Amino acid sequence: MSARVRLLPAFGLALLLTIGCGGEPPEKEMQQAQGALDAARAAGADKYATEEFQAATLALANARDAVTQRDYRLALDRALDSRERAQNAAKMAADSKAAARTEADRAINAAQTELNAVEAKLKAAENAKASARLLAGPRRTLDAARTALQEVRAMFDKGDYLDVPPRAKAATASLPAVSTELEAAGGPAARRRR
């Protein structure tokens, strides 16, 4: 047997090991995945596309673990998966954020409409000469609702759209009771008492 024939199996084995291990860590792909994660976070994916963003984060962590174990093929696979998921998360976040913004805007408008209606009832009760003592509680409640709604608008302006609908609802939660109170205060019975 010639020397070439004896070296052929050894060369084949070395080639298989090199291909199997991937040669060197996929640094470029891991950096791309990290960049895609950073971009996704900046787009709000950590809030608006949570599952996909977490999957992308986990895939990059798995890629790093695979590098530690010198499984460069697995590391490359995980890094590519992370990058793709992060890019998907960024796209999903943009859509979800737009929908959340619309919903938040609706919630603020509904709260403002409710506040305006109760303010109109307060004016009617004042015009009906309801007692100041009777109107003191509703005024305080209306002031608190106005302040809470201003805080909700500030949240909206900062882009915290997911928190706006429940906070807007909470800001006006006490208004139905006040509305009923003011209807009674401004009704004919209140005028007859004067």
Foldseek 3Di string as FASTA:
>chain_A
DDPVVVCVVVVVVVVVVCVQLVPAAPVVLLVLLVVLLVLLVVLVLVPQVVVLSVQLVVLSVVLVVCVVVSNRVSSNVSSNSSNVSSNVSSVRSNVRLVVLLVVLVVLLVVLVVLLVVLVVLLVLLVVLVQDPVLCVVLVVLSVQLVVQSVVLVVCSVVSVSVPRNVSSCVSCVCSVVSSVSSCVSNDPVVSVVD
